[in-house]
Protein backbone atom coordinates (compact mmCIF):
# COMPACT_ATOMS: atom_id res chain seq x y z
CA UNK A 1 237.90 198.55 25.77
CA UNK A 2 237.29 200.69 22.55
CA UNK A 3 236.79 197.59 20.30
CA UNK A 4 233.50 195.70 20.60
CA UNK A 5 233.26 191.94 20.27
CA UNK A 6 232.34 190.62 16.80
CA UNK A 7 229.86 187.81 16.95
CA UNK A 8 229.08 185.43 14.02
CA UNK A 9 225.70 185.84 12.55
CA UNK A 10 223.42 182.94 11.72
CA UNK A 11 223.77 181.40 8.19
CA UNK A 12 221.13 182.42 5.78
CA UNK A 13 218.45 179.93 4.72
CA UNK A 14 219.42 177.69 1.78
CA UNK A 15 217.97 178.59 -1.50
CA UNK A 16 215.39 176.11 -2.58
CA UNK A 17 216.00 176.39 -6.34
CA UNK A 18 216.94 173.39 -8.53
CA UNK A 19 220.37 172.74 -10.21
CA UNK A 20 218.79 173.25 -13.59
CA UNK A 21 217.63 176.82 -12.78
CA UNK A 22 221.11 177.73 -11.59
CA UNK A 23 222.74 176.49 -14.92
CA UNK A 24 219.96 178.25 -17.11
CA UNK A 25 221.82 181.67 -17.35
CA UNK A 26 225.05 179.69 -18.27
CA UNK A 27 223.23 177.80 -21.03
CA UNK A 28 221.54 180.74 -22.37
CA UNK A 29 224.72 182.70 -22.59
CA UNK A 30 226.21 179.84 -24.62
CA UNK A 31 223.32 179.76 -27.10
CA UNK A 32 223.53 183.54 -27.59
CA UNK A 33 227.34 183.21 -28.03
CA UNK A 34 226.64 180.45 -30.58
CA UNK A 35 224.18 182.56 -32.63
CA UNK A 36 226.18 185.82 -32.52
CA UNK A 37 229.79 184.57 -32.94
CA UNK A 38 230.36 180.98 -33.71
CA UNK A 39 227.75 180.42 -36.55
CA UNK A 40 228.49 183.46 -38.69
CA UNK A 41 232.29 182.73 -38.49
CA UNK A 42 231.54 179.32 -39.70
CA UNK A 43 229.52 180.72 -42.47
CA UNK A 44 232.19 182.97 -43.65
CA UNK A 45 234.75 180.07 -43.73
CA UNK A 46 232.51 177.95 -45.85
CA UNK A 47 232.09 180.77 -48.31
CA UNK A 48 235.87 181.53 -48.36
CA UNK A 49 236.74 177.85 -48.94
CA UNK A 50 234.09 177.69 -51.84
CA UNK A 51 235.67 180.92 -53.40
CA UNK A 52 239.19 179.32 -53.08
CA UNK A 53 238.10 176.06 -54.54
CA UNK A 54 236.63 177.89 -57.67
CA UNK A 55 239.70 179.89 -58.54
CA UNK A 56 240.72 179.53 -62.18
CA UNK A 57 243.16 180.90 -64.65
CA UNK A 58 242.23 184.42 -65.77
CA UNK A 59 240.32 185.42 -62.55
CA UNK A 60 241.30 188.89 -61.10
CA UNK A 61 241.91 188.79 -57.38
CA UNK A 62 243.05 190.63 -54.41
CA UNK A 63 245.38 189.07 -51.83
CA UNK A 64 245.44 189.54 -48.20
CA UNK A 65 248.57 191.72 -48.51
CA UNK A 66 246.73 194.02 -50.89
CA UNK A 67 248.23 192.76 -54.17
CA UNK A 68 245.78 192.86 -57.10
CA UNK A 69 246.34 190.76 -60.05
CA UNK A 70 245.22 188.29 -62.62
CA UNK A 71 245.77 184.50 -62.09
CA UNK A 72 248.10 182.93 -64.72
CA UNK A 73 248.87 179.58 -63.13
CA UNK A 74 246.83 177.40 -60.80
CA UNK A 75 248.29 174.71 -58.58
CA UNK A 76 247.16 172.73 -55.54
CA UNK A 77 248.35 175.20 -52.97
CA UNK A 78 249.77 177.96 -55.00
CA UNK A 79 248.69 180.53 -57.68
CA UNK A 80 250.77 182.45 -60.21
CA UNK A 81 249.53 186.06 -59.95
CA UNK A 82 250.34 188.53 -62.70
CA UNK A 83 250.66 191.96 -60.90
CA UNK A 84 251.93 193.99 -63.88
CA UNK A 85 252.79 193.14 -67.48
CA UNK A 86 255.64 190.72 -67.34
CA UNK A 87 255.66 190.55 -63.52
CA UNK A 88 254.55 187.34 -61.98
CA UNK A 89 254.45 186.43 -58.14
CA UNK A 90 253.65 183.17 -56.51
CA UNK A 91 251.00 183.32 -53.75
CA UNK A 92 249.16 180.61 -51.55
CA UNK A 93 245.57 180.04 -52.69
CA UNK A 94 244.54 180.86 -49.09
CA UNK A 95 245.91 184.30 -49.37
CA UNK A 96 243.12 185.31 -51.94
CA UNK A 97 240.69 187.54 -50.08
CA UNK A 98 238.27 188.59 -52.89
CA UNK A 99 237.55 187.73 -56.52
CA UNK A 100 237.16 190.87 -58.61
CA UNK A 101 234.71 191.22 -61.56
CA UNK A 102 236.43 190.81 -65.02
CA UNK A 103 237.94 193.92 -66.42
CA UNK A 104 238.68 195.51 -62.93
CA UNK A 105 242.35 195.66 -63.39
CA UNK A 106 243.54 197.65 -66.27
């Protein structure tokens, strides 16, 4: 009575585009993602690895936890870090974030 009948509409005409054109936005998004996020991160990792490999005795460094000190011992995976006169702590080499210029730590 008060409700009218609902009839199905005819299906719209199929798009005539190729499958390559439908994948083009996805491929474009991946290329942009690579150049904006993935490539710079790989470059930073490569620079960090080179810095870690070049660590030597007497270098002044900052760790990820914020400790500043002078390297006294260098091992395969660990370094000895003198944070104050007579106070030495052991850190992992990968914890080093930055190498400071000589004479930065008084």
